[in-house]
Amino acid sequence: MILDYRELAKKALQAREHAYVPYSQFAVGAALLTQEGNCYWGCNIENAAYTPSNCAERTAFFEAVKLGEREFKAIAVAGGKQAESLPLAVCSPCGVCLQVMLEFCNPETFEVVLVQDEDLFSVHRLKELIPFGFTQKNL
């Protein structure tokens, strides 16, 4: 399967529109692609108590895993202030989200697409974003 980065970027931007961000106004959308070609999306969901909030990337992963998915190819992430116009600034996943990705993805092959617009994005291997992550090898 050939990965269509533009289509994945577009889905992340669409997911961003569903973000619930009344406190930070920082809306993030993610589109997670499985090895089989299924796509799961997530948006960040804030909470007044802050710590119960959830990032877009983890929302997408948790939905996919809940439905039995375990093999992933790539994730596109688009984030910025809710009222910000395109192109967005580069928004990398947080450390917690990167750690969740390490649980399910091969850091050598899994791709993280940092989206600024559907035609403007950069592609990185997971190992570039979290080179010394904690994995099952550390246990």
N, C-alpha and C. Protein backbone atom coordinates (compact mmCIF):
# COMPACT_ATOMS: atom_id res chain seq x y z
N MET A 1 0.84 -1.19 0.00
CA MET A 1 0.00 0.00 0.00
C MET A 1 0.88 1.25 0.00
N ILE A 2 0.61 2.14 -0.90
CA ILE A 2 1.34 3.41 -0.97
C ILE A 2 0.65 4.40 -0.06
N LEU A 3 1.44 5.07 0.77
CA LEU A 3 0.90 6.01 1.74
C LEU A 3 0.65 7.36 1.08
N ASP A 4 -0.57 7.84 1.17
CA ASP A 4 -0.94 9.15 0.64
C ASP A 4 -0.88 10.16 1.78
N TYR A 5 0.28 10.81 1.90
CA TYR A 5 0.49 11.76 2.99
C TYR A 5 -0.49 12.92 2.94
N ARG A 6 -0.81 13.37 1.75
CA ARG A 6 -1.74 14.50 1.60
C ARG A 6 -3.11 14.14 2.16
N GLU A 7 -3.59 12.94 1.84
CA GLU A 7 -4.90 12.51 2.34
C GLU A 7 -4.88 12.35 3.86
N LEU A 8 -3.80 11.81 4.40
CA LEU A 8 -3.68 11.66 5.85
C LEU A 8 -3.63 13.04 6.53
N ALA A 9 -2.90 13.97 5.92
CA ALA A 9 -2.83 15.34 6.45
C ALA A 9 -4.21 15.98 6.46
N LYS A 10 -4.94 15.78 5.39
CA LYS A 10 -6.30 16.34 5.28
C LYS A 10 -7.21 15.79 6.39
N LYS A 11 -7.09 14.48 6.68
CA LYS A 11 -7.91 13.87 7.73
C LYS A 11 -7.52 14.40 9.11
N ALA A 12 -6.25 14.66 9.34
CA ALA A 12 -5.82 15.24 10.62
C ALA A 12 -6.38 16.65 10.78
N LEU A 13 -6.38 17.42 9.72
CA LEU A 13 -6.95 18.78 9.77
C LEU A 13 -8.45 18.72 10.03
N GLN A 14 -9.13 17.76 9.44
CA GLN A 14 -10.57 17.60 9.68
C GLN A 14 -10.83 17.18 11.12
N ALA A 15 -10.02 16.28 11.65
CA ALA A 15 -10.18 15.83 13.03
C ALA A 15 -9.98 16.99 14.00
N ARG A 16 -9.07 17.88 13.66
CA ARG A 16 -8.78 19.06 14.49
C ARG A 16 -10.03 19.92 14.71
N GLU A 17 -10.90 19.93 13.75
CA GLU A 17 -12.13 20.72 13.85
C GLU A 17 -13.05 20.25 14.97
N HIS A 18 -12.88 19.02 15.45
CA HIS A 18 -13.72 18.46 16.50
C HIS A 18 -13.12 18.62 17.90
N ALA A 19 -11.95 19.23 17.99
CA ALA A 19 -11.28 19.36 19.29
C ALA A 19 -12.16 20.13 20.29
N TYR A 20 -12.10 19.68 21.53
CA TYR A 20 -12.80 20.35 22.63
C TYR A 20 -11.72 21.03 23.47
N VAL A 21 -11.53 22.34 23.25
CA VAL A 21 -10.41 23.05 23.86
C VAL A 21 -10.83 24.40 24.47
N PRO A 22 -11.78 24.40 25.41
CA PRO A 22 -12.26 25.66 25.96
C PRO A 22 -11.24 26.39 26.84
N TYR A 23 -10.19 25.71 27.27
CA TYR A 23 -9.22 26.32 28.20
C TYR A 23 -7.98 26.82 27.49
N SER A 24 -7.39 26.02 26.62
CA SER A 24 -6.16 26.43 25.94
C SER A 24 -6.42 27.02 24.56
N GLN A 25 -7.55 26.70 23.96
CA GLN A 25 -7.86 27.04 22.58
C GLN A 25 -6.79 26.50 21.61
N PHE A 26 -6.07 25.46 22.03
CA PHE A 26 -5.05 24.82 21.19
C PHE A 26 -5.63 23.51 20.68
N ALA A 27 -6.09 23.54 19.44
CA ALA A 27 -6.80 22.41 18.85
C ALA A 27 -5.84 21.50 18.08
N VAL A 28 -5.94 20.20 18.35
CA VAL A 28 -5.08 19.23 17.68
C VAL A 28 -5.94 18.12 17.10
N GLY A 29 -5.60 17.71 15.89
CA GLY A 29 -6.24 16.58 15.25
C GLY A 29 -5.20 15.57 14.83
N ALA A 30 -5.55 14.30 14.86
CA ALA A 30 -4.64 13.25 14.44
C ALA A 30 -5.39 12.23 13.59
N ALA A 31 -4.70 11.70 12.60
CA ALA A 31 -5.23 10.64 11.76
C ALA A 31 -4.22 9.50 11.77
N LEU A 32 -4.64 8.35 12.28
CA LEU A 32 -3.79 7.19 12.48
C LEU A 32 -4.10 6.13 11.42
N LEU A 33 -3.09 5.73 10.68
CA LEU A 33 -3.25 4.76 9.60
C LEU A 33 -2.70 3.40 10.02
N THR A 34 -3.51 2.36 9.86
CA THR A 34 -3.07 1.01 10.19
C THR A 34 -2.35 0.39 8.98
N GLN A 35 -1.67 -0.71 9.23
CA GLN A 35 -1.00 -1.43 8.15
C GLN A 35 -2.01 -1.92 7.11
N GLU A 36 -3.22 -2.20 7.54
CA GLU A 36 -4.27 -2.69 6.63
C GLU A 36 -4.96 -1.57 5.85
N GLY A 37 -4.64 -0.31 6.18
CA GLY A 37 -5.24 0.81 5.46
C GLY A 37 -6.43 1.45 6.14
N ASN A 38 -6.77 1.00 7.34
CA ASN A 38 -7.85 1.64 8.09
C ASN A 38 -7.33 2.93 8.72
N CYS A 39 -8.21 3.89 8.86
CA CYS A 39 -7.81 5.18 9.43
C CYS A 39 -8.71 5.51 10.62
N TYR A 40 -8.07 5.86 11.73
CA TYR A 40 -8.77 6.28 12.94
C TYR A 40 -8.33 7.70 13.24
N TRP A 41 -9.28 8.53 13.62
CA TRP A 41 -8.91 9.90 13.92
C TRP A 41 -9.19 10.22 15.38
N GLY A 42 -8.52 11.24 15.85
CA GLY A 42 -8.73 11.70 17.21
C GLY A 42 -8.52 13.19 17.30
N CYS A 43 -9.09 13.78 18.31
CA CYS A 43 -8.88 15.20 18.60
C CYS A 43 -8.57 15.32 20.08
N ASN A 44 -7.97 16.43 20.45
CA ASN A 44 -7.70 16.61 21.88
C ASN A 44 -9.00 17.02 22.58
N ILE A 45 -9.11 16.54 23.82
CA ILE A 45 -10.30 16.77 24.63
C ILE A 45 -9.84 17.27 25.99
N GLU A 46 -10.12 18.53 26.29
CA GLU A 46 -9.68 19.13 27.55
C GLU A 46 -10.71 18.92 28.66
N ASN A 47 -10.25 19.14 29.88
CA ASN A 47 -11.08 19.01 31.06
C ASN A 47 -10.70 20.12 32.03
N ALA A 48 -11.66 20.64 32.76
CA ALA A 48 -11.39 21.72 33.71
C ALA A 48 -10.35 21.34 34.75
N ALA A 49 -10.21 20.07 35.06
CA ALA A 49 -9.21 19.62 36.03
C ALA A 49 -7.85 19.36 35.37
N TYR A 50 -7.72 19.63 34.10
CA TYR A 50 -6.50 19.50 33.29
C TYR A 50 -5.98 18.08 33.13
N THR A 51 -5.63 17.38 34.20
CA THR A 51 -5.02 16.06 34.02
C THR A 51 -5.93 15.02 33.37
N PRO A 52 -7.25 15.11 33.46
CA PRO A 52 -8.07 14.15 32.72
C PRO A 52 -8.14 14.44 31.21
N SER A 53 -7.50 15.51 30.77
CA SER A 53 -7.49 15.83 29.34
C SER A 53 -6.79 14.73 28.56
N ASN A 54 -7.09 14.64 27.27
CA ASN A 54 -6.45 13.62 26.44
C ASN A 54 -6.03 14.23 25.10
N CYS A 55 -4.86 13.84 24.65
CA CYS A 55 -4.33 14.34 23.39
C CYS A 55 -4.99 13.66 22.19
N ALA A 56 -4.93 14.30 21.06
CA ALA A 56 -5.52 13.77 19.83
C ALA A 56 -4.89 12.44 19.43
N GLU A 57 -3.57 12.35 19.56
CA GLU A 57 -2.87 11.14 19.13
C GLU A 57 -3.29 9.94 19.97
N ARG A 58 -3.38 10.12 21.28
CA ARG A 58 -3.79 9.02 22.14
C ARG A 58 -5.26 8.68 21.93
N THR A 59 -6.09 9.67 21.67
CA THR A 59 -7.49 9.41 21.37
C THR A 59 -7.60 8.48 20.16
N ALA A 60 -6.83 8.77 19.11
CA ALA A 60 -6.85 7.93 17.91
C ALA A 60 -6.32 6.53 18.21
N PHE A 61 -5.21 6.44 18.92
CA PHE A 61 -4.64 5.12 19.25
C PHE A 61 -5.60 4.30 20.11
N PHE A 62 -6.18 4.92 21.12
CA PHE A 62 -7.06 4.19 22.03
C PHE A 62 -8.29 3.67 21.30
N GLU A 63 -8.82 4.47 20.38
CA GLU A 63 -9.97 4.03 19.59
C GLU A 63 -9.59 2.81 18.72
N ALA A 64 -8.45 2.91 18.06
CA ALA A 64 -8.01 1.82 17.19
C ALA A 64 -7.73 0.54 17.99
N VAL A 65 -7.03 0.67 19.09
CA VAL A 65 -6.70 -0.50 19.91
C VAL A 65 -7.98 -1.10 20.49
N LYS A 66 -8.91 -0.26 20.91
CA LYS A 66 -10.19 -0.73 21.44
C LYS A 66 -10.91 -1.62 20.42
N LEU A 67 -10.72 -1.32 19.15
CA LEU A 67 -11.38 -2.07 18.09
C LEU A 67 -10.52 -3.22 17.55
N GLY A 68 -9.41 -3.50 18.24
CA GLY A 68 -8.61 -4.67 17.89
C GLY A 68 -7.40 -4.43 17.01
N GLU A 69 -7.16 -3.19 16.61
CA GLU A 69 -6.00 -2.90 15.76
C GLU A 69 -4.72 -2.97 16.59
N ARG A 70 -3.65 -3.48 15.98
CA ARG A 70 -2.37 -3.56 16.68
C ARG A 70 -1.18 -3.23 15.78
N GLU A 71 -1.41 -3.06 14.48
CA GLU A 71 -0.31 -2.79 13.56
C GLU A 71 -0.57 -1.47 12.84
N PHE A 72 0.38 -0.55 13.02
CA PHE A 72 0.18 0.81 12.52
C PHE A 72 1.31 1.23 11.58
N LYS A 73 0.96 2.07 10.63
CA LYS A 73 1.90 2.52 9.61
C LYS A 73 2.35 3.97 9.83
N ALA A 74 1.39 4.86 10.15
CA ALA A 74 1.71 6.29 10.26
C ALA A 74 0.62 7.02 11.02
N ILE A 75 0.99 8.21 11.50
CA ILE A 75 0.02 9.11 12.10
C ILE A 75 0.34 10.52 11.61
N ALA A 76 -0.71 11.27 11.28
CA ALA A 76 -0.57 12.68 10.92
C ALA A 76 -1.11 13.50 12.08
N VAL A 77 -0.40 14.58 12.42
CA VAL A 77 -0.77 15.43 13.54
C VAL A 77 -0.81 16.88 13.07
N ALA A 78 -1.93 17.56 13.35
CA ALA A 78 -2.09 18.97 13.00
C ALA A 78 -2.57 19.72 14.23
N GLY A 79 -1.85 20.73 14.65
CA GLY A 79 -2.26 21.46 15.85
C GLY A 79 -1.87 22.92 15.84
N GLY A 80 -2.64 23.70 16.56
CA GLY A 80 -2.37 25.12 16.71
C GLY A 80 -3.56 25.80 17.36
N LYS A 81 -3.41 27.06 17.63
CA LYS A 81 -4.51 27.82 18.22
C LYS A 81 -5.77 27.66 17.37
N GLN A 82 -6.89 27.50 18.02
CA GLN A 82 -8.15 27.19 17.34
C GLN A 82 -8.47 28.17 16.23
N ALA A 83 -8.22 29.44 16.42
CA ALA A 83 -8.56 30.46 15.43
C ALA A 83 -7.44 30.70 14.42
N GLU A 84 -6.33 29.98 14.56
CA GLU A 84 -5.18 30.16 13.67
C GLU A 84 -5.54 29.70 12.26
N SER A 85 -5.12 30.51 11.28
CA SER A 85 -5.37 30.13 9.90
C SER A 85 -4.21 29.28 9.38
N LEU A 86 -4.45 28.58 8.29
CA LEU A 86 -3.43 27.73 7.69
C LEU A 86 -2.44 28.59 6.92
N PRO A 87 -1.18 28.23 6.87
CA PRO A 87 -0.59 27.03 7.45
C PRO A 87 -0.35 27.19 8.95
N LEU A 88 -0.46 26.07 9.66
CA LEU A 88 -0.19 26.03 11.09
C LEU A 88 1.31 25.94 11.33
N ALA A 89 1.72 26.24 12.55
CA ALA A 89 3.10 25.98 12.95
C ALA A 89 3.25 24.47 13.14
N VAL A 90 4.46 23.98 13.08
CA VAL A 90 4.70 22.55 13.30
C VAL A 90 4.33 22.20 14.74
N CYS A 91 3.56 21.13 14.91
CA CYS A 91 3.11 20.68 16.22
C CYS A 91 3.50 19.21 16.37
N SER A 92 4.51 18.96 17.17
CA SER A 92 4.96 17.59 17.40
C SER A 92 4.17 16.95 18.53
N PRO A 93 3.99 15.63 18.50
CA PRO A 93 3.33 14.95 19.62
C PRO A 93 4.12 15.15 20.91
N CYS A 94 3.41 15.15 22.03
CA CYS A 94 4.06 15.28 23.33
C CYS A 94 4.78 13.97 23.68
N GLY A 95 5.56 13.99 24.72
CA GLY A 95 6.30 12.80 25.15
C GLY A 95 5.42 11.63 25.52
N VAL A 96 4.28 11.90 26.16
CA VAL A 96 3.37 10.82 26.54
C VAL A 96 2.83 10.14 25.29
N CYS A 97 2.43 10.93 24.30
CA CYS A 97 1.91 10.35 23.06
C CYS A 97 2.98 9.56 22.32
N LEU A 98 4.20 10.09 22.29
CA LEU A 98 5.29 9.36 21.65
C LEU A 98 5.53 8.03 22.35
N GLN A 99 5.43 8.03 23.68
CA GLN A 99 5.61 6.79 24.43
C GLN A 99 4.51 5.78 24.09
N VAL A 100 3.27 6.23 23.93
CA VAL A 100 2.18 5.34 23.52
C VAL A 100 2.48 4.77 22.13
N MET A 101 2.97 5.61 21.24
CA MET A 101 3.33 5.13 19.90
C MET A 101 4.39 4.03 19.98
N LEU A 102 5.37 4.20 20.87
CA LEU A 102 6.41 3.18 21.03
C LEU A 102 5.85 1.84 21.49
N GLU A 103 4.76 1.87 22.22
CA GLU A 103 4.15 0.63 22.70
C GLU A 103 3.64 -0.23 21.55
N PHE A 104 3.16 0.43 20.50
CA PHE A 104 2.49 -0.28 19.42
C PHE A 104 3.22 -0.24 18.07
N CYS A 105 4.23 0.61 17.94
CA CYS A 105 4.82 0.85 16.62
C CYS A 105 6.32 0.59 16.60
N ASN A 106 6.80 0.17 15.47
CA ASN A 106 8.23 -0.01 15.26
C ASN A 106 8.84 1.38 15.03
N PRO A 107 9.74 1.83 15.91
CA PRO A 107 10.29 3.18 15.77
C PRO A 107 11.13 3.37 14.51
N GLU A 108 11.58 2.27 13.91
CA GLU A 108 12.38 2.35 12.68
C GLU A 108 11.51 2.62 11.45
N THR A 109 10.25 2.19 11.49
CA THR A 109 9.41 2.28 10.29
C THR A 109 8.17 3.15 10.44
N PHE A 110 7.67 3.32 11.67
CA PHE A 110 6.45 4.11 11.87
C PHE A 110 6.73 5.57 11.55
N GLU A 111 5.82 6.18 10.77
CA GLU A 111 6.02 7.56 10.33
C GLU A 111 5.08 8.51 11.06
N VAL A 112 5.63 9.65 11.45
CA VAL A 112 4.88 10.72 12.08
C VAL A 112 4.89 11.90 11.11
N VAL A 113 3.71 12.28 10.65
CA VAL A 113 3.56 13.35 9.67
C VAL A 113 3.13 14.61 10.41
N LEU A 114 3.99 15.61 10.41
CA LEU A 114 3.69 16.86 11.10
C LEU A 114 3.08 17.82 10.08
N VAL A 115 1.80 18.11 10.27
CA VAL A 115 0.99 18.80 9.27
C VAL A 115 0.87 20.29 9.58
N GLN A 116 1.11 21.10 8.56
CA GLN A 116 0.85 22.53 8.64
C GLN A 116 -0.33 22.91 7.74
N ASP A 117 -0.49 22.17 6.67
CA ASP A 117 -1.59 22.33 5.72
C ASP A 117 -1.65 21.02 4.94
N GLU A 118 -2.69 20.78 4.19
CA GLU A 118 -2.77 19.49 3.51
C GLU A 118 -1.69 19.31 2.45
N ASP A 119 -1.08 20.40 2.02
CA ASP A 119 0.02 20.33 1.06
C ASP A 119 1.37 20.70 1.68
N LEU A 120 1.39 20.95 2.98
CA LEU A 120 2.62 21.36 3.66
C LEU A 120 2.78 20.53 4.93
N PHE A 121 3.72 19.60 4.90
CA PHE A 121 3.94 18.70 6.03
C PHE A 121 5.34 18.12 5.94
N SER A 122 5.81 17.59 7.05
CA SER A 122 7.10 16.90 7.07
C SER A 122 6.90 15.51 7.64
N VAL A 123 7.69 14.56 7.18
CA VAL A 123 7.55 13.17 7.58
C VAL A 123 8.80 12.75 8.36
N HIS A 124 8.57 12.14 9.52
CA HIS A 124 9.67 11.72 10.40
C HIS A 124 9.43 10.29 10.85
N ARG A 125 10.49 9.56 11.07
CA ARG A 125 10.38 8.24 11.69
C ARG A 125 10.21 8.47 13.20
N LEU A 126 9.47 7.59 13.84
CA LEU A 126 9.25 7.70 15.28
C LEU A 126 10.58 7.79 16.04
N LYS A 127 11.59 7.04 15.61
CA LYS A 127 12.88 7.04 16.30
C LYS A 127 13.53 8.42 16.30
N GLU A 128 13.22 9.26 15.32
CA GLU A 128 13.77 10.62 15.28
C GLU A 128 13.17 11.49 16.38
N LEU A 129 11.90 11.25 16.70
CA LEU A 129 11.21 12.10 17.66
C LEU A 129 11.38 11.63 19.10
N ILE A 130 11.69 10.35 19.29
CA ILE A 130 11.92 9.83 20.64
C ILE A 130 13.05 8.78 20.55
N PRO A 131 14.28 9.27 20.39
CA PRO A 131 15.40 8.36 20.14
C PRO A 131 15.77 7.44 21.31
N PHE A 132 15.43 7.81 22.53
CA PHE A 132 15.79 6.99 23.69
C PHE A 132 14.55 6.60 24.48
N GLY A 133 13.50 6.23 23.77
CA GLY A 133 12.24 5.88 24.41
C GLY A 133 12.34 4.61 25.24
N PHE A 134 11.43 4.49 26.17
CA PHE A 134 11.34 3.33 27.06
C PHE A 134 10.48 2.28 26.37
N THR A 135 11.05 1.11 26.11
CA THR A 135 10.31 0.05 25.42
C THR A 135 10.38 -1.25 26.23
N GLN A 136 9.78 -2.28 25.68
CA GLN A 136 9.79 -3.59 26.33
C GLN A 136 11.21 -4.09 26.56
N LYS A 137 12.15 -3.64 25.75
CA LYS A 137 13.56 -4.02 25.91
C LYS A 137 14.12 -3.54 27.24
N ASN A 138 13.52 -2.48 27.80
CA ASN A 138 14.01 -1.91 29.06
C ASN A 138 13.48 -2.67 30.28
N LEU A 139 12.54 -3.56 30.09
CA LEU A 139 11.94 -4.27 31.22
C LEU A 139 12.75 -5.47 31.62
